[in-house]
Each structure stands twice: as structure tokens, then as C-alpha cells.
PDB file of N, CA and C in Angstrom:
ATOM      1  N   MET A   1       0.882  12.205 -35.628  1.00  0.00           N
ATOM      2  CA  MET A   1       0.734  11.092 -36.548  1.00  0.00           C
ATOM      3  C   MET A   1      -0.745  10.897 -36.870  1.00  0.00           C
ATOM      4  N   PRO A   2      -1.066  10.602 -38.104  1.00  0.00           N
ATOM      5  CA  PRO A   2      -2.457  10.350 -38.446  1.00  0.00           C
ATOM      6  C   PRO A   2      -2.977   9.095 -37.752  1.00  0.00           C
ATOM      7  N   ASN A   3      -4.276   9.086 -37.496  1.00  0.00           N
ATOM      8  CA  ASN A   3      -4.958   7.934 -36.890  1.00  0.00           C
ATOM      9  C   ASN A   3      -4.497   7.611 -35.479  1.00  0.00           C
ATOM     10  N   GLN A   4      -3.837   8.538 -34.821  1.00  0.00           N
ATOM     11  CA  GLN A   4      -3.440   8.339 -33.431  1.00  0.00           C
ATOM     12  C   GLN A   4      -4.403   9.114 -32.541  1.00  0.00           C
ATOM     13  N   PRO A   5      -5.000   8.449 -31.544  1.00  0.00           N
ATOM     14  CA  PRO A   5      -5.928   9.170 -30.677  1.00  0.00           C
ATOM     15  C   PRO A   5      -5.190  10.181 -29.811  1.00  0.00           C
ATOM     16  N   ALA A   6      -5.850  11.288 -29.571  1.00  0.00           N
ATOM     17  CA  ALA A   6      -5.290  12.286 -28.655  1.00  0.00           C
ATOM     18  C   ALA A   6      -5.396  11.747 -27.241  1.00  0.00           C
ATOM     19  N   THR A   7      -4.442  12.078 -26.416  1.00  0.00           N
ATOM     20  CA  THR A   7      -4.453  11.640 -25.026  1.00  0.00           C
ATOM     21  C   THR A   7      -4.563  12.860 -24.138  1.00  0.00           C
ATOM     22  N   PHE A   8      -5.543  12.832 -23.254  1.00  0.00           N
ATOM     23  CA  PHE A   8      -5.748  13.914 -22.311  1.00  0.00           C
ATOM     24  C   PHE A   8      -5.724  13.332 -20.911  1.00  0.00           C
ATOM     25  N   ASN A   9      -5.037  13.967 -20.009  1.00  0.00           N
ATOM     26  CA  ASN A   9      -5.029  13.536 -18.620  1.00  0.00           C
ATOM     27  C   ASN A   9      -6.080  14.329 -17.872  1.00  0.00           C
ATOM     28  N   LYS A  10      -7.074  13.628 -17.354  1.00  0.00           N
ATOM     29  CA  LYS A  10      -8.161  14.245 -16.611  1.00  0.00           C
ATOM     30  C   LYS A  10      -8.246  13.578 -15.244  1.00  0.00           C
ATOM     31  N   THR A  11      -8.784  14.287 -14.293  1.00  0.00           N
ATOM     32  CA  THR A  11      -8.970  13.732 -12.961  1.00  0.00           C
ATOM     33  C   THR A  11     -10.397  13.235 -12.822  1.00  0.00           C
ATOM     34  N   VAL A  12     -10.525  12.004 -12.368  1.00  0.00           N
ATOM     35  CA  VAL A  12     -11.829  11.409 -12.096  1.00  0.00           C
ATOM     36  C   VAL A  12     -11.766  10.842 -10.686  1.00  0.00           C
ATOM     37  N   ARG A  13     -12.747  11.163  -9.880  1.00  0.00           N
ATOM     38  CA  ARG A  13     -12.763  10.654  -8.501  1.00  0.00           C
ATOM     39  C   ARG A  13     -13.538   9.347  -8.449  1.00  0.00           C
ATOM     40  N   VAL A  14     -12.853   8.307  -8.001  1.00  0.00           N
ATOM     41  CA  VAL A  14     -13.444   6.975  -7.917  1.00  0.00           C
ATOM     42  C   VAL A  14     -13.052   6.374  -6.570  1.00  0.00           C
ATOM     43  N   ASP A  15     -13.993   5.693  -5.938  1.00  0.00           N
ATOM     44  CA  ASP A  15     -13.697   4.998  -4.690  1.00  0.00           C
ATOM     45  C   ASP A  15     -12.509   4.053  -4.910  1.00  0.00           C
ATOM     46  N   GLY A  16     -11.584   4.048  -3.985  1.00  0.00           N
ATOM     47  CA  GLY A  16     -10.360   3.251  -4.123  1.00  0.00           C
ATOM     48  C   GLY A  16     -10.606   1.776  -4.327  1.00  0.00           C
ATOM     49  N   ASP A  17     -11.558   1.207  -3.579  1.00  0.00           N
ATOM     50  CA  ASP A  17     -11.858  -0.213  -3.719  1.00  0.00           C
ATOM     51  C   ASP A  17     -12.425  -0.515  -5.102  1.00  0.00           C
ATOM     52  N   LEU A  18     -13.310   0.354  -5.584  1.00  0.00           N
ATOM     53  CA  LEU A  18     -13.889   0.179  -6.912  1.00  0.00           C
ATOM     54  C   LEU A  18     -12.804   0.262  -7.988  1.00  0.00           C
ATOM     55  N   TRP A  19     -11.900   1.220  -7.842  1.00  0.00           N
ATOM     56  CA  TRP A  19     -10.787   1.386  -8.790  1.00  0.00           C
ATOM     57  C   TRP A  19      -9.917   0.132  -8.833  1.00  0.00           C
ATOM     58  N   ASP A  20      -9.602  -0.405  -7.649  1.00  0.00           N
ATOM     59  CA  ASP A  20      -8.775  -1.608  -7.577  1.00  0.00           C
ATOM     60  C   ASP A  20      -9.468  -2.808  -8.215  1.00  0.00           C
ATOM     61  N   ARG A  21     -10.755  -3.004  -7.883  1.00  0.00           N
ATOM     62  CA  ARG A  21     -11.504  -4.137  -8.458  1.00  0.00           C
ATOM     63  C   ARG A  21     -11.618  -4.007  -9.964  1.00  0.00           C
ATOM     64  N   ALA A  22     -11.867  -2.786 -10.452  1.00  0.00           N
ATOM     65  CA  ALA A  22     -11.968  -2.582 -11.900  1.00  0.00           C
ATOM     66  C   ALA A  22     -10.649  -2.926 -12.588  1.00  0.00           C
ATOM     67  N   GLY A  23      -9.542  -2.557 -11.969  1.00  0.00           N
ATOM     68  CA  GLY A  23      -8.235  -2.883 -12.537  1.00  0.00           C
ATOM     69  C   GLY A  23      -7.978  -4.379 -12.570  1.00  0.00           C
ATOM     70  N   GLN A  24      -8.353  -5.067 -11.502  1.00  0.00           N
ATOM     71  CA  GLN A  24      -8.171  -6.518 -11.446  1.00  0.00           C
ATOM     72  C   GLN A  24      -9.003  -7.219 -12.513  1.00  0.00           C
ATOM     73  N   ILE A  25     -10.260  -6.809 -12.637  1.00  0.00           N
ATOM     74  CA  ILE A  25     -11.150  -7.434 -13.623  1.00  0.00           C
ATOM     75  C   ILE A  25     -10.669  -7.129 -15.041  1.00  0.00           C
ATOM     76  N   ALA A  26     -10.275  -5.904 -15.294  1.00  0.00           N
ATOM     77  CA  ALA A  26      -9.779  -5.537 -16.620  1.00  0.00           C
ATOM     78  C   ALA A  26      -8.567  -6.393 -16.992  1.00  0.00           C
ATOM     79  N   THR A  27      -7.661  -6.580 -16.042  1.00  0.00           N
ATOM     80  CA  THR A  27      -6.469  -7.390 -16.295  1.00  0.00           C
ATOM     81  C   THR A  27      -6.846  -8.822 -16.652  1.00  0.00           C
ATOM     82  N   VAL A  28      -7.772  -9.408 -15.899  1.00  0.00           N
ATOM     83  CA  VAL A  28      -8.218 -10.777 -16.167  1.00  0.00           C
ATOM     84  C   VAL A  28      -8.833 -10.872 -17.557  1.00  0.00           C
ATOM     85  N   GLN A  29      -9.529  -9.807 -17.974  1.00  0.00           N
ATOM     86  CA  GLN A  29     -10.179  -9.802 -19.286  1.00  0.00           C
ATOM     87  C   GLN A  29      -9.226  -9.398 -20.410  1.00  0.00           C
ATOM     88  N   GLY A  30      -7.971  -9.123 -20.074  1.00  0.00           N
ATOM     89  CA  GLY A  30      -6.978  -8.807 -21.097  1.00  0.00           C
ATOM     90  C   GLY A  30      -7.039  -7.376 -21.596  1.00  0.00           C
ATOM     91  N   THR A  31      -7.507  -6.464 -20.747  1.00  0.00           N
ATOM     92  CA  THR A  31      -7.572  -5.063 -21.129  1.00  0.00           C
ATOM     93  C   THR A  31      -7.074  -4.204 -19.964  1.00  0.00           C
ATOM     94  N   THR A  32      -7.367  -2.927 -20.003  1.00  0.00           N
ATOM     95  CA  THR A  32      -6.972  -2.005 -18.944  1.00  0.00           C
ATOM     96  C   THR A  32      -8.199  -1.230 -18.480  1.00  0.00           C
ATOM     97  N   ARG A  33      -8.074  -0.581 -17.323  1.00  0.00           N
ATOM     98  CA  ARG A  33      -9.167   0.290 -16.877  1.00  0.00           C
ATOM     99  C   ARG A  33      -9.435   1.355 -17.922  1.00  0.00           C
ATOM    100  N   ALA A  34      -8.384   1.933 -18.484  1.00  0.00           N
ATOM    101  CA  ALA A  34      -8.552   2.971 -19.504  1.00  0.00           C
ATOM    102  C   ALA A  34      -9.328   2.429 -20.704  1.00  0.00           C
ATOM    103  N   GLY A  35      -9.036   1.211 -21.103  1.00  0.00           N
ATOM    104  CA  GLY A  35      -9.762   0.601 -22.218  1.00  0.00           C
ATOM    105  C   GLY A  35     -11.242   0.436 -21.918  1.00  0.00           C
ATOM    106  N   VAL A  36     -11.537   0.016 -20.693  1.00  0.00           N
ATOM    107  CA  VAL A  36     -12.932  -0.156 -20.271  1.00  0.00           C
ATOM    108  C   VAL A  36     -13.641   1.197 -20.226  1.00  0.00           C
ATOM    109  N   ILE A  37     -12.990   2.190 -19.635  1.00  0.00           N
ATOM    110  CA  ILE A  37     -13.589   3.524 -19.528  1.00  0.00           C
ATOM    111  C   ILE A  37     -13.831   4.113 -20.914  1.00  0.00           C
ATOM    112  N   ASN A  38     -12.870   3.986 -21.808  1.00  0.00           N
ATOM    113  CA  ASN A  38     -13.031   4.505 -23.166  1.00  0.00           C
ATOM    114  C   ASN A  38     -14.157   3.788 -23.909  1.00  0.00           C
ATOM    115  N   ALA A  39     -14.257   2.463 -23.753  1.00  0.00           N
ATOM    116  CA  ALA A  39     -15.338   1.716 -24.399  1.00  0.00           C
ATOM    117  C   ALA A  39     -16.693   2.184 -23.874  1.00  0.00           C
ATOM    118  N   PHE A  40     -16.796   2.366 -22.561  1.00  0.00           N
ATOM    119  CA  PHE A  40     -18.046   2.843 -21.976  1.00  0.00           C
ATOM    120  C   PHE A  40     -18.386   4.241 -22.500  1.00  0.00           C
ATOM    121  N   LEU A  41     -17.410   5.134 -22.533  1.00  0.00           N
ATOM    122  CA  LEU A  41     -17.670   6.499 -22.985  1.00  0.00           C
ATOM    123  C   LEU A  41     -18.073   6.539 -24.462  1.00  0.00           C
ATOM    124  N   ARG A  42     -17.487   5.683 -25.282  1.00  0.00           N
ATOM    125  CA  ARG A  42     -17.900   5.620 -26.689  1.00  0.00           C
ATOM    126  C   ARG A  42     -19.362   5.193 -26.792  1.00  0.00           C
ATOM    127  N   TRP A  43     -19.743   4.164 -26.007  1.00  0.00           N
ATOM    128  CA  TRP A  43     -21.124   3.704 -25.995  1.00  0.00           C
ATOM    129  C   TRP A  43     -22.047   4.799 -25.453  1.00  0.00           C
ATOM    130  N   TYR A  44     -21.653   5.414 -24.334  1.00  0.00           N
ATOM    131  CA  TYR A  44     -22.465   6.411 -23.650  1.00  0.00           C
ATOM    132  C   TYR A  44     -22.734   7.644 -24.506  1.00  0.00           C
ATOM    133  N   THR A  45     -21.765   8.000 -25.335  1.00  0.00           N
ATOM    134  CA  THR A  45     -21.925   9.179 -26.182  1.00  0.00           C
ATOM    135  C   THR A  45     -22.579   8.865 -27.523  1.00  0.00           C
ATOM    136  N   GLY A  46     -22.995   7.639 -27.729  1.00  0.00           N
ATOM    137  CA  GLY A  46     -23.778   7.288 -28.908  1.00  0.00           C
ATOM    138  C   GLY A  46     -23.006   6.856 -30.123  1.00  0.00           C
ATOM    139  N   ASP A  47     -21.739   6.516 -29.981  1.00  0.00           N
ATOM    140  CA  ASP A  47     -20.968   6.008 -31.123  1.00  0.00           C
ATOM    141  C   ASP A  47     -21.682   4.758 -31.651  1.00  0.00           C
ATOM    142  N   PRO A  48     -22.134   4.770 -32.907  1.00  0.00           N
ATOM    143  CA  PRO A  48     -22.908   3.640 -33.423  1.00  0.00           C
ATOM    144  C   PRO A  48     -22.129   2.330 -33.516  1.00  0.00           C
ATOM    145  N   THR A  49     -20.810   2.390 -33.491  1.00  0.00           N
ATOM    146  CA  THR A  49     -20.016   1.160 -33.550  1.00  0.00           C
ATOM    147  C   THR A  49     -19.578   0.673 -32.164  1.00  0.00           C
ATOM    148  N   ALA A  50     -19.923   1.435 -31.136  1.00  0.00           N
ATOM    149  CA  ALA A  50     -19.444   1.115 -29.782  1.00  0.00           C
ATOM    150  C   ALA A  50     -20.221  -0.050 -29.174  1.00  0.00           C
ATOM    151  N   LYS A  51     -19.517  -0.794 -28.329  1.00  0.00           N
ATOM    152  CA  LYS A  51     -20.122  -1.888 -27.569  1.00  0.00           C
ATOM    153  C   LYS A  51     -19.735  -1.700 -26.117  1.00  0.00           C
ATOM    154  N   LEU A  52     -20.662  -2.021 -25.237  1.00  0.00           N
ATOM    155  CA  LEU A  52     -20.352  -1.945 -23.814  1.00  0.00           C
ATOM    156  C   LEU A  52     -19.269  -2.952 -23.460  1.00  0.00           C
ATOM    157  N   PRO A  53     -18.400  -2.607 -22.514  1.00  0.00           N
ATOM    158  CA  PRO A  53     -17.414  -3.585 -22.062  1.00  0.00           C
ATOM    159  C   PRO A  53     -18.119  -4.764 -21.384  1.00  0.00           C
ATOM    160  N   THR A  54     -17.494  -5.910 -21.404  1.00  0.00           N
ATOM    161  CA  THR A  54     -18.058  -7.095 -20.767  1.00  0.00           C
ATOM    162  C   THR A  54     -17.972  -6.961 -19.254  1.00  0.00           C
ATOM    163  N   PRO A  55     -19.111  -7.048 -18.570  1.00  0.00           N
ATOM    164  CA  PRO A  55     -19.071  -6.935 -17.108  1.00  0.00           C
ATOM    165  C   PRO A  55     -18.568  -8.227 -16.473  1.00  0.00           C
ATOM    166  N   ALA A  56     -18.056  -8.099 -15.284  1.00  0.00           N
ATOM    167  CA  ALA A  56     -17.673  -9.275 -14.514  1.00  0.00           C
ATOM    168  C   ALA A  56     -18.932  -9.934 -13.977  1.00  0.00           C
ATOM    169  N   THR A  57     -18.839 -11.209 -13.654  1.00  0.00           N
ATOM    170  CA  THR A  57     -19.978 -11.865 -13.012  1.00  0.00           C
ATOM    171  C   THR A  57     -19.938 -11.574 -11.519  1.00  0.00           C
ATOM    172  N   ARG A  58     -21.080 -11.618 -10.888  1.00  0.00           N
ATOM    173  CA  ARG A  58     -21.134 -11.408  -9.441  1.00  0.00           C
ATOM    174  C   ARG A  58     -20.467 -12.590  -8.753  1.00  0.00           C
ATOM    175  N   ALA A  59     -19.621 -12.299  -7.792  1.00  0.00           N
ATOM    176  CA  ALA A  59     -18.878 -13.346  -7.089  1.00  0.00           C
ATOM    177  C   ALA A  59     -19.854 -14.342  -6.464  1.00  0.00           C
ATOM    178  N   GLY A  60     -19.660 -15.615  -6.780  1.00  0.00           N
ATOM    179  CA  GLY A  60     -20.426 -16.668  -6.150  1.00  0.00           C
ATOM    180  C   GLY A  60     -21.754 -16.995  -6.815  1.00  0.00           C
ATOM    181  N   THR A  61     -22.292 -16.107  -7.662  1.00  0.00           N
ATOM    182  CA  THR A  61     -23.595 -16.385  -8.251  1.00  0.00           C
ATOM    183  C   THR A  61     -23.498 -16.863  -9.692  1.00  0.00           C
ATOM    184  N   GLY A  62     -22.428 -16.471 -10.372  1.00  0.00           N
ATOM    185  CA  GLY A  62     -22.301 -16.830 -11.778  1.00  0.00           C
ATOM    186  C   GLY A  62     -23.240 -16.049 -12.677  1.00  0.00           C
ATOM    187  N   ASN A  63     -23.936 -15.056 -12.122  1.00  0.00           N
ATOM    188  CA  ASN A  63     -24.897 -14.275 -12.905  1.00  0.00           C
ATOM    189  C   ASN A  63     -24.278 -12.987 -13.395  1.00  0.00           C
ATOM    190  N   ASP A  64     -24.706 -12.594 -14.569  1.00  0.00           N
ATOM    191  CA  ASP A  64     -24.299 -11.310 -15.130  1.00  0.00           C
ATOM    192  C   ASP A  64     -24.955 -10.211 -14.299  1.00  0.00           C
ATOM    193  N   PRO A  65     -24.194  -9.223 -13.819  1.00  0.00           N
ATOM    194  CA  PRO A  65     -24.782  -8.158 -13.007  1.00  0.00           C
ATOM    195  C   PRO A  65     -25.930  -7.439 -13.703  1.00  0.00           C
ATOM    196  N   GLN A  66     -25.886  -7.336 -15.007  1.00  0.00           N
ATOM    197  CA  GLN A  66     -26.968  -6.639 -15.711  1.00  0.00           C
ATOM    198  C   GLN A  66     -28.267  -7.420 -15.649  1.00  0.00           C
ATOM    199  N   GLY A  67     -28.187  -8.714 -15.448  1.00  0.00           N
ATOM    200  CA  GLY A  67     -29.383  -9.529 -15.361  1.00  0.00           C
ATOM    201  C   GLY A  67     -30.057  -9.450 -13.997  1.00  0.00           C
ATOM    202  N   GLU A  68     -29.396  -8.836 -13.019  1.00  0.00           N
ATOM    203  CA  GLU A  68     -29.946  -8.778 -11.670  1.00  0.00           C
ATOM    204  C   GLU A  68     -30.546  -7.411 -11.335  1.00  0.00           C
ATOM    205  N   ARG A  69     -30.742  -6.570 -12.339  1.00  0.00           N
ATOM    206  CA  ARG A  69     -31.356  -5.274 -12.087  1.00  0.00           C
ATOM    207  C   ARG A  69     -32.825  -5.442 -11.779  1.00  0.00           C
ATOM    208  N   SER A  70     -33.360  -4.580 -10.912  1.00  0.00           N
ATOM    209  CA  SER A  70     -34.783  -4.657 -10.619  1.00  0.00           C
ATOM    210  C   SER A  70     -35.553  -3.709 -11.491  1.00  0.00           C
TER     211      SER A  70
END
């Protein structure tokens, strides 16, 4: 069908706890891990229309994790 993205099954190794937390956060944000990964990859590969997925806030601090980089 036209305008349908191709789907490829690939193996990616991710720490189990990280995978679980990413799934929980994605669900709360109304998306999926796959949606987050695809958004990141579009941004990472230079798609001019891409936007980074919204990060979760750090538990207990209310701060955006990107704001706490050194």
C-alpha cells in the first residue's frame, strides 16, 4: 500500500530494567517504545522535520534530564 512504512524486525540489546522503564514512560505519554525509538532515529539521522521524543522528568526532582547534563 502506498504511504505505508516498511516494518523490519531487528534485534537490539537493551538492559531489561531500562526497557521496562521506557515502556512505562511511553505508555504514560500515550505512545509506545517503538514510537519513541523511531522518533529518536529520525532525529539522529538528520530528518529535518524530526523532533526528539519528550523525556521523562527525573523522579523526585521535577527536572528535565537534559537540563542536568554537565
